[in-house]
Amino acid sequence: MCQHKYIYDLLICTNMHVSKPLPVTMQTNLHIRKDVSSTMHDPSMSRLVVGALQYILVTCPELSYAVNKVCQFMHNPQEHHWKAVKRILRYLVVTRSHGLLIQHSSSTDVCVFSDVDRGSEIDDKK
């Protein structure tokens, strides 16, 4: 399963197809907060792109953490939130042809690992 065309169309729509690609989606020490920078003049573009990123998660599960972080601020996106969204898009420039290989097998075991760090949640500590 691959969403190459959908990702490419999103990159064209945001004019990020010519941007410098990045190998990672987020900086490890980045803490996205609310009310740190100025509010965007037109938040509809940010909401549109973040919604499209949620759809891309079907074939790019490695984006889950980064997209989750920017989704938390869709009600009032600010300039530093948009910078985080653009960083995700720059990562997609590199990985837009990646996808998931789904094969039939007799074993249907699913193994999931999680490393949750709720202590770094500065705003709500939940």
N, C-alpha and C. Protein backbone atom coordinates (compact mmCIF):
# COMPACT_ATOMS: atom_id res chain seq x y z
N MET A 1 0.84 -1.16 0.00
CA MET A 1 0.00 0.00 0.00
C MET A 1 0.89 1.23 0.00
N CYS A 2 0.62 2.12 -0.91
CA CYS A 2 1.43 3.32 -1.03
C CYS A 2 0.53 4.49 -1.44
N GLN A 3 0.81 5.66 -0.92
CA GLN A 3 0.03 6.85 -1.25
C GLN A 3 0.92 7.88 -1.94
N HIS A 4 1.75 7.43 -2.84
CA HIS A 4 2.72 8.29 -3.51
C HIS A 4 2.05 9.50 -4.17
N LYS A 5 1.02 9.27 -4.94
CA LYS A 5 0.36 10.37 -5.66
C LYS A 5 -0.32 11.33 -4.68
N TYR A 6 -0.99 10.81 -3.68
CA TYR A 6 -1.66 11.67 -2.70
C TYR A 6 -0.65 12.56 -1.97
N ILE A 7 0.46 11.97 -1.57
CA ILE A 7 1.50 12.74 -0.88
C ILE A 7 2.11 13.78 -1.82
N TYR A 8 2.36 13.39 -3.05
CA TYR A 8 2.93 14.33 -4.02
C TYR A 8 1.97 15.50 -4.27
N ASP A 9 0.67 15.21 -4.41
CA ASP A 9 -0.32 16.27 -4.60
C ASP A 9 -0.36 17.21 -3.40
N LEU A 10 -0.22 16.67 -2.19
CA LEU A 10 -0.18 17.50 -0.98
C LEU A 10 1.05 18.39 -0.99
N LEU A 11 2.19 17.84 -1.37
CA LEU A 11 3.41 18.63 -1.45
C LEU A 11 3.31 19.74 -2.49
N ILE A 12 2.67 19.45 -3.61
CA ILE A 12 2.45 20.47 -4.65
C ILE A 12 1.52 21.56 -4.12
N CYS A 13 0.43 21.15 -3.46
CA CYS A 13 -0.55 22.10 -2.93
C CYS A 13 0.08 23.07 -1.93
N THR A 14 1.00 22.59 -1.13
CA THR A 14 1.64 23.43 -0.12
C THR A 14 2.95 24.05 -0.62
N ASN A 15 3.31 23.77 -1.86
CA ASN A 15 4.54 24.26 -2.48
C ASN A 15 5.79 23.78 -1.72
N MET A 16 5.71 22.58 -1.16
CA MET A 16 6.83 22.01 -0.42
C MET A 16 7.57 20.95 -1.24
N HIS A 17 7.15 20.69 -2.47
CA HIS A 17 7.81 19.67 -3.30
C HIS A 17 9.22 20.06 -3.68
N VAL A 18 9.54 21.35 -3.61
CA VAL A 18 10.89 21.81 -3.95
C VAL A 18 11.71 22.13 -2.70
N SER A 19 11.18 21.82 -1.54
CA SER A 19 11.89 22.15 -0.30
C SER A 19 13.01 21.15 -0.02
N LYS A 20 13.90 21.55 0.85
CA LYS A 20 15.01 20.69 1.24
C LYS A 20 14.47 19.52 2.09
N PRO A 21 14.74 18.28 1.70
CA PRO A 21 14.23 17.14 2.45
C PRO A 21 14.93 16.97 3.80
N LEU A 22 14.20 16.40 4.75
CA LEU A 22 14.75 16.12 6.08
C LEU A 22 14.64 14.63 6.38
N PRO A 23 15.61 14.07 7.11
CA PRO A 23 15.57 12.64 7.41
C PRO A 23 14.69 12.27 8.61
N VAL A 24 14.27 13.25 9.43
CA VAL A 24 13.43 12.97 10.60
C VAL A 24 12.26 13.93 10.64
N THR A 25 11.16 13.51 11.31
CA THR A 25 9.94 14.32 11.33
C THR A 25 9.97 15.43 12.37
N MET A 26 10.58 15.18 13.51
CA MET A 26 10.61 16.17 14.58
C MET A 26 11.97 16.15 15.27
N GLN A 27 12.32 17.29 15.85
CA GLN A 27 13.51 17.32 16.67
C GLN A 27 13.19 16.63 17.99
N THR A 28 14.15 15.93 18.54
CA THR A 28 13.88 15.18 19.77
C THR A 28 13.64 16.07 20.98
N ASN A 29 14.19 17.26 20.99
CA ASN A 29 14.02 18.14 22.15
C ASN A 29 12.96 19.21 21.92
N LEU A 30 12.16 19.10 20.86
CA LEU A 30 11.14 20.09 20.55
C LEU A 30 9.88 19.83 21.38
N HIS A 31 9.41 20.85 22.05
CA HIS A 31 8.16 20.78 22.81
C HIS A 31 7.21 21.81 22.21
N ILE A 32 6.21 21.34 21.49
CA ILE A 32 5.24 22.23 20.88
C ILE A 32 4.25 22.66 21.96
N ARG A 33 4.09 23.97 22.11
CA ARG A 33 3.23 24.51 23.16
C ARG A 33 2.18 25.42 22.56
N LYS A 34 1.19 25.72 23.36
CA LYS A 34 0.18 26.67 22.91
C LYS A 34 0.58 28.08 23.34
N ASP A 35 0.10 29.06 22.61
CA ASP A 35 0.28 30.47 22.92
C ASP A 35 1.75 30.88 23.08
N VAL A 36 2.58 30.46 22.14
CA VAL A 36 3.99 30.85 22.19
C VAL A 36 4.30 31.88 21.10
N SER A 37 3.70 31.74 19.94
CA SER A 37 3.96 32.67 18.84
C SER A 37 2.64 33.25 18.35
N SER A 38 2.71 34.03 17.30
CA SER A 38 1.52 34.69 16.78
C SER A 38 0.59 33.70 16.08
N THR A 39 -0.69 34.00 16.13
CA THR A 39 -1.70 33.18 15.47
C THR A 39 -1.59 33.38 13.96
N MET A 40 -1.84 32.33 13.22
CA MET A 40 -1.78 32.40 11.76
C MET A 40 -2.92 33.27 11.23
N HIS A 41 -2.65 33.98 10.13
CA HIS A 41 -3.68 34.83 9.52
C HIS A 41 -4.78 33.98 8.89
N ASP A 42 -4.40 32.86 8.26
CA ASP A 42 -5.37 31.97 7.62
C ASP A 42 -5.14 30.55 8.14
N PRO A 43 -5.81 30.16 9.23
CA PRO A 43 -5.57 28.82 9.79
C PRO A 43 -6.18 27.69 8.98
N SER A 44 -6.99 28.00 7.96
CA SER A 44 -7.64 26.94 7.19
C SER A 44 -6.61 26.08 6.44
N MET A 45 -5.54 26.68 5.96
CA MET A 45 -4.51 25.90 5.25
C MET A 45 -3.84 24.92 6.19
N SER A 46 -3.54 25.36 7.40
CA SER A 46 -2.93 24.47 8.38
C SER A 46 -3.86 23.32 8.71
N ARG A 47 -5.12 23.60 8.89
CA ARG A 47 -6.09 22.54 9.21
C ARG A 47 -6.25 21.56 8.05
N LEU A 48 -6.24 22.08 6.85
CA LEU A 48 -6.35 21.22 5.66
C LEU A 48 -5.16 20.26 5.58
N VAL A 49 -3.96 20.78 5.78
CA VAL A 49 -2.75 19.97 5.67
C VAL A 49 -2.67 18.94 6.80
N VAL A 50 -3.02 19.35 8.02
CA VAL A 50 -2.98 18.41 9.14
C VAL A 50 -4.02 17.30 8.94
N GLY A 51 -5.18 17.63 8.41
CA GLY A 51 -6.17 16.61 8.09
C GLY A 51 -5.66 15.63 7.04
N ALA A 52 -4.97 16.14 6.04
CA ALA A 52 -4.39 15.28 5.01
C ALA A 52 -3.30 14.39 5.60
N LEU A 53 -2.53 14.92 6.54
CA LEU A 53 -1.50 14.11 7.21
C LEU A 53 -2.11 12.97 8.01
N GLN A 54 -3.28 13.21 8.60
CA GLN A 54 -3.95 12.13 9.33
C GLN A 54 -4.33 11.00 8.38
N TYR A 55 -4.73 11.32 7.17
CA TYR A 55 -5.07 10.31 6.18
C TYR A 55 -3.82 9.53 5.75
N ILE A 56 -2.70 10.20 5.67
CA ILE A 56 -1.44 9.57 5.25
C ILE A 56 -0.94 8.58 6.30
N LEU A 57 -1.37 8.72 7.55
CA LEU A 57 -0.92 7.81 8.62
C LEU A 57 -1.26 6.35 8.33
N VAL A 58 -2.22 6.11 7.46
CA VAL A 58 -2.59 4.73 7.13
C VAL A 58 -1.40 3.97 6.58
N THR A 59 -0.61 4.62 5.73
CA THR A 59 0.55 3.95 5.13
C THR A 59 1.88 4.43 5.68
N CYS A 60 1.87 5.44 6.53
CA CYS A 60 3.11 5.97 7.12
C CYS A 60 2.96 6.05 8.64
N PRO A 61 2.92 4.93 9.32
CA PRO A 61 2.69 4.96 10.77
C PRO A 61 3.83 5.63 11.55
N GLU A 62 4.99 5.80 10.94
CA GLU A 62 6.10 6.45 11.65
C GLU A 62 5.82 7.93 11.90
N LEU A 63 4.81 8.47 11.24
CA LEU A 63 4.44 9.87 11.43
C LEU A 63 3.46 10.09 12.58
N SER A 64 3.02 9.02 13.21
CA SER A 64 1.94 9.11 14.20
C SER A 64 2.23 10.10 15.32
N TYR A 65 3.40 10.05 15.90
CA TYR A 65 3.70 10.94 17.02
C TYR A 65 3.72 12.40 16.58
N ALA A 66 4.40 12.69 15.49
CA ALA A 66 4.52 14.07 15.03
C ALA A 66 3.16 14.65 14.61
N VAL A 67 2.37 13.86 13.90
CA VAL A 67 1.05 14.33 13.47
C VAL A 67 0.14 14.50 14.69
N ASN A 68 0.23 13.62 15.65
CA ASN A 68 -0.57 13.75 16.88
C ASN A 68 -0.25 15.06 17.57
N LYS A 69 1.02 15.42 17.64
CA LYS A 69 1.41 16.66 18.32
C LYS A 69 0.82 17.89 17.62
N VAL A 70 0.88 17.95 16.30
CA VAL A 70 0.34 19.12 15.61
C VAL A 70 -1.19 19.12 15.59
N CYS A 71 -1.81 17.95 15.70
CA CYS A 71 -3.27 17.87 15.75
C CYS A 71 -3.83 18.48 17.04
N GLN A 72 -3.05 18.49 18.08
CA GLN A 72 -3.51 19.03 19.36
C GLN A 72 -3.77 20.53 19.31
N PHE A 73 -3.28 21.19 18.27
CA PHE A 73 -3.40 22.65 18.19
C PHE A 73 -4.15 23.10 16.95
N MET A 74 -5.02 22.24 16.41
CA MET A 74 -5.76 22.59 15.21
C MET A 74 -6.79 23.69 15.47
N HIS A 75 -7.28 23.82 16.69
CA HIS A 75 -8.29 24.83 16.99
C HIS A 75 -7.72 26.24 16.94
N ASN A 76 -6.43 26.40 17.21
CA ASN A 76 -5.78 27.71 17.18
C ASN A 76 -4.33 27.56 16.71
N PRO A 77 -4.13 27.23 15.43
CA PRO A 77 -2.75 27.03 14.97
C PRO A 77 -1.96 28.33 14.96
N GLN A 78 -0.72 28.23 15.39
CA GLN A 78 0.16 29.38 15.43
C GLN A 78 1.35 29.14 14.50
N GLU A 79 2.17 30.15 14.36
CA GLU A 79 3.28 30.07 13.42
C GLU A 79 4.25 28.92 13.74
N HIS A 80 4.55 28.69 15.00
CA HIS A 80 5.49 27.60 15.33
C HIS A 80 4.84 26.23 15.11
N HIS A 81 3.51 26.14 15.18
CA HIS A 81 2.83 24.88 14.84
C HIS A 81 2.96 24.62 13.34
N TRP A 82 2.81 25.69 12.55
CA TRP A 82 2.94 25.55 11.10
C TRP A 82 4.35 25.14 10.72
N LYS A 83 5.35 25.62 11.43
CA LYS A 83 6.73 25.21 11.16
C LYS A 83 6.90 23.72 11.42
N ALA A 84 6.25 23.20 12.45
CA ALA A 84 6.31 21.76 12.74
C ALA A 84 5.63 20.96 11.62
N VAL A 85 4.51 21.47 11.09
CA VAL A 85 3.82 20.82 9.98
C VAL A 85 4.72 20.81 8.74
N LYS A 86 5.38 21.93 8.48
CA LYS A 86 6.27 21.99 7.31
C LYS A 86 7.45 21.03 7.47
N ARG A 87 7.91 20.82 8.68
CA ARG A 87 8.99 19.86 8.90
C ARG A 87 8.52 18.44 8.55
N ILE A 88 7.29 18.11 8.89
CA ILE A 88 6.73 16.80 8.53
C ILE A 88 6.65 16.68 7.01
N LEU A 89 6.21 17.74 6.36
CA LEU A 89 6.13 17.72 4.89
C LEU A 89 7.51 17.56 4.26
N ARG A 90 8.51 18.18 4.84
CA ARG A 90 9.88 18.03 4.32
C ARG A 90 10.37 16.59 4.49
N TYR A 91 9.92 15.91 5.53
CA TYR A 91 10.23 14.49 5.70
C TYR A 91 9.53 13.68 4.61
N LEU A 92 8.31 14.05 4.26
CA LEU A 92 7.57 13.32 3.24
C LEU A 92 8.19 13.47 1.85
N VAL A 93 8.95 14.52 1.63
CA VAL A 93 9.66 14.67 0.35
C VAL A 93 10.59 13.47 0.15
N VAL A 94 11.22 13.02 1.23
CA VAL A 94 12.16 11.89 1.17
C VAL A 94 11.42 10.56 1.07
N THR A 95 10.33 10.41 1.81
CA THR A 95 9.70 9.10 1.98
C THR A 95 8.39 8.94 1.24
N ARG A 96 8.08 9.80 0.28
CA ARG A 96 6.76 9.73 -0.36
C ARG A 96 6.51 8.44 -1.12
N SER A 97 7.55 7.76 -1.54
CA SER A 97 7.36 6.50 -2.26
C SER A 97 7.36 5.28 -1.33
N HIS A 98 7.53 5.51 -0.04
CA HIS A 98 7.48 4.39 0.91
C HIS A 98 6.03 3.96 1.12
N GLY A 99 5.86 2.74 1.55
CA GLY A 99 4.52 2.23 1.81
C GLY A 99 4.59 1.02 2.71
N LEU A 100 3.48 0.33 2.79
CA LEU A 100 3.40 -0.89 3.60
C LEU A 100 3.23 -2.08 2.68
N LEU A 101 3.97 -3.13 2.97
CA LEU A 101 3.82 -4.38 2.24
C LEU A 101 2.97 -5.31 3.10
N ILE A 102 1.83 -5.68 2.56
CA ILE A 102 0.92 -6.56 3.29
C ILE A 102 0.87 -7.89 2.56
N GLN A 103 1.26 -8.92 3.28
CA GLN A 103 1.27 -10.26 2.70
C GLN A 103 0.40 -11.18 3.53
N HIS A 104 -0.16 -12.16 2.87
CA HIS A 104 -0.93 -13.17 3.56
C HIS A 104 0.03 -14.13 4.27
N SER A 105 -0.27 -14.44 5.51
CA SER A 105 0.55 -15.41 6.22
C SER A 105 -0.35 -16.21 7.15
N SER A 106 0.12 -17.37 7.54
CA SER A 106 -0.65 -18.21 8.45
C SER A 106 -0.61 -17.66 9.88
N SER A 107 0.40 -16.88 10.18
CA SER A 107 0.53 -16.28 11.50
C SER A 107 -0.05 -14.87 11.46
N THR A 108 -0.99 -14.59 12.34
CA THR A 108 -1.61 -13.26 12.37
C THR A 108 -1.28 -12.53 13.67
N ASP A 109 -0.12 -12.83 14.24
CA ASP A 109 0.29 -12.16 15.47
C ASP A 109 0.66 -10.71 15.19
N VAL A 110 0.23 -9.84 16.06
CA VAL A 110 0.57 -8.43 15.96
C VAL A 110 1.31 -8.05 17.24
N CYS A 111 2.45 -7.44 17.07
CA CYS A 111 3.27 -7.03 18.21
C CYS A 111 3.42 -5.51 18.17
N VAL A 112 3.09 -4.84 19.27
CA VAL A 112 3.13 -3.39 19.33
C VAL A 112 3.96 -2.96 20.52
N PHE A 113 4.81 -1.95 20.30
CA PHE A 113 5.62 -1.39 21.36
C PHE A 113 5.27 0.09 21.50
N SER A 114 5.35 0.59 22.71
CA SER A 114 5.06 2.00 22.94
C SER A 114 6.04 2.56 23.96
N ASP A 115 6.46 3.78 23.71
CA ASP A 115 7.34 4.47 24.64
C ASP A 115 6.73 5.85 24.89
N VAL A 116 5.88 5.94 25.88
CA VAL A 116 5.14 7.16 26.15
C VAL A 116 5.85 7.96 27.23
N ASP A 117 6.04 9.25 26.95
CA ASP A 117 6.67 10.14 27.92
C ASP A 117 5.71 11.29 28.21
N ARG A 118 4.79 11.06 29.13
CA ARG A 118 3.80 12.08 29.46
C ARG A 118 4.39 13.16 30.38
N GLY A 119 5.54 12.94 30.93
CA GLY A 119 6.16 13.93 31.79
C GLY A 119 6.59 15.17 31.06
N SER A 120 6.77 15.06 29.75
CA SER A 120 7.19 16.22 28.98
C SER A 120 6.02 17.08 28.52
N GLU A 121 4.79 16.70 28.84
CA GLU A 121 3.62 17.48 28.49
C GLU A 121 3.54 18.69 29.42
N ILE A 122 4.00 19.82 28.96
CA ILE A 122 4.10 21.01 29.80
C ILE A 122 2.74 21.64 30.04
N ASP A 123 1.85 21.61 29.05
CA ASP A 123 0.59 22.33 29.16
C ASP A 123 -0.43 21.66 30.08
N ASP A 124 -0.61 20.34 29.96
CA ASP A 124 -1.67 19.72 30.75
C ASP A 124 -1.22 18.57 31.64
N LYS A 125 -0.02 18.06 31.46
CA LYS A 125 0.54 16.97 32.28
C LYS A 125 -0.36 15.74 32.37
N LYS A 126 -1.18 15.51 31.34
CA LYS A 126 -2.06 14.34 31.34
C LYS A 126 -1.38 13.18 30.65
